């Protein structure tokens, strides 16, 4: 199974999730760590980022999470929430 860490942003967003969504993430986490490209996650690279290692995956049709993989294959969970987490903030 892959190694992983949660960013502070992920932990903050996770703490605000509805209980059923948080429980679903916990249940699906081992499946994801075993196969990040499992069809149920619909994993794909995020577009428009300079870092080529940033990905998004679906938890449900409404909830997504973002992550990156370092060069050793460790997964860094970046954010989790509704589809709006994928929108870029305007500067």
Protein backbone atom coordinates (compact mmCIF):
# COMPACT_ATOMS: atom_id res chain seq x y z
CA UNK A 1 0.00 0.00 0.00
CA UNK A 2 1.23 3.49 -0.81
CA UNK A 3 2.39 5.95 1.82
CA UNK A 4 0.35 9.11 2.20
CA UNK A 5 0.02 12.38 4.11
CA UNK A 6 -2.69 14.99 4.49
CA UNK A 7 -1.98 18.71 4.06
CA UNK A 8 -3.32 21.19 6.60
CA UNK A 9 -5.81 22.35 3.95
CA UNK A 10 -7.07 18.79 3.47
CA UNK A 11 -7.51 18.27 7.20
CA UNK A 12 -9.38 21.58 7.51
CA UNK A 13 -11.72 20.70 4.61
CA UNK A 14 -12.17 17.14 5.86
CA UNK A 15 -13.28 18.39 9.27
CA UNK A 16 -16.12 20.30 7.60
CA UNK A 17 -17.46 17.35 5.60
CA UNK A 18 -20.84 15.81 6.42
CA UNK A 19 -20.37 12.69 8.55
CA UNK A 20 -21.53 10.31 5.82
CA UNK A 21 -19.04 11.72 3.30
CA UNK A 22 -16.17 11.56 5.82
CA UNK A 23 -17.07 7.94 6.58
CA UNK A 24 -17.19 7.15 2.87
CA UNK A 25 -13.71 8.61 2.40
CA UNK A 26 -12.38 6.48 5.26
CA UNK A 27 -14.01 3.39 3.75
CA UNK A 28 -12.67 4.06 0.24
CA UNK A 29 -9.17 5.17 1.28
CA UNK A 30 -7.65 1.65 1.32
CA UNK A 31 -9.10 0.96 -2.14
CA UNK A 32 -7.65 4.22 -3.44
CA UNK A 33 -4.23 3.56 -1.94
CA UNK A 34 -4.17 0.14 -3.56
CA UNK A 35 -5.30 1.40 -6.99
CA UNK A 36 -5.52 5.16 -7.58
CA UNK A 37 -6.95 4.48 -11.02
CA UNK A 38 -9.82 2.30 -9.80
CA UNK A 39 -12.76 3.19 -12.08
CA UNK A 40 -14.96 4.32 -9.18
CA UNK A 41 -12.64 7.30 -8.53
CA UNK A 42 -12.53 8.59 -12.13
CA UNK A 43 -8.97 9.82 -11.44
CA UNK A 44 -7.56 12.38 -13.87
CA UNK A 45 -4.86 15.03 -14.04
CA UNK A 46 -5.96 18.54 -13.24
CA UNK A 47 -5.52 20.98 -16.08
CA UNK A 48 -3.81 24.34 -15.85
CA UNK A 49 -1.30 23.58 -13.09
CA UNK A 50 2.43 23.96 -13.51
CA UNK A 51 3.00 20.99 -11.24
CA UNK A 52 2.33 17.94 -13.45
CA UNK A 53 1.66 15.74 -10.45
CA UNK A 54 -1.67 17.27 -9.31
CA UNK A 55 -4.68 15.02 -9.78
CA UNK A 56 -8.37 14.97 -8.92
CA UNK A 57 -10.57 12.01 -8.03
CA UNK A 58 -14.26 11.57 -7.33
CA UNK A 59 -15.56 10.34 -4.03
CA UNK A 60 -19.18 10.70 -5.15
CA UNK A 61 -20.74 12.58 -8.04
CA UNK A 62 -20.76 15.69 -5.82
CA UNK A 63 -17.56 15.31 -3.77
CA UNK A 64 -14.00 15.32 -5.03
CA UNK A 65 -10.53 15.28 -3.60
CA UNK A 66 -7.25 16.53 -5.00
CA UNK A 67 -3.84 15.02 -4.50
CA UNK A 68 -0.35 14.88 -5.85
CA UNK A 69 2.23 12.16 -6.00
CA UNK A 70 5.82 12.85 -5.14
CA UNK A 71 8.69 11.26 -7.04
CA UNK A 72 8.72 8.28 -4.67
CA UNK A 73 5.00 7.64 -5.25
CA UNK A 74 3.79 8.96 -1.89
CA UNK A 75 0.33 10.52 -2.12
CA UNK A 76 -0.18 14.00 -0.71
CA UNK A 77 -3.87 14.69 -0.21
CA UNK A 78 -4.38 18.43 -0.88
CA UNK A 79 -8.12 19.16 -0.57
CA UNK A 80 -11.53 17.52 -0.34
CA UNK A 81 -15.04 18.87 -0.83
CA UNK A 82 -17.70 19.61 -3.40
CA UNK A 83 -16.85 20.19 -7.03
CA UNK A 84 -16.12 23.86 -6.21
CA UNK A 85 -12.70 22.89 -4.76
CA UNK A 86 -11.56 22.44 -8.36
CA UNK A 87 -12.25 26.06 -9.29
CA UNK A 88 -9.20 28.27 -9.43
CA UNK A 89 -9.21 31.31 -7.16
CA UNK A 90 -8.98 34.61 -9.02
CA UNK A 91 -6.05 36.76 -8.02
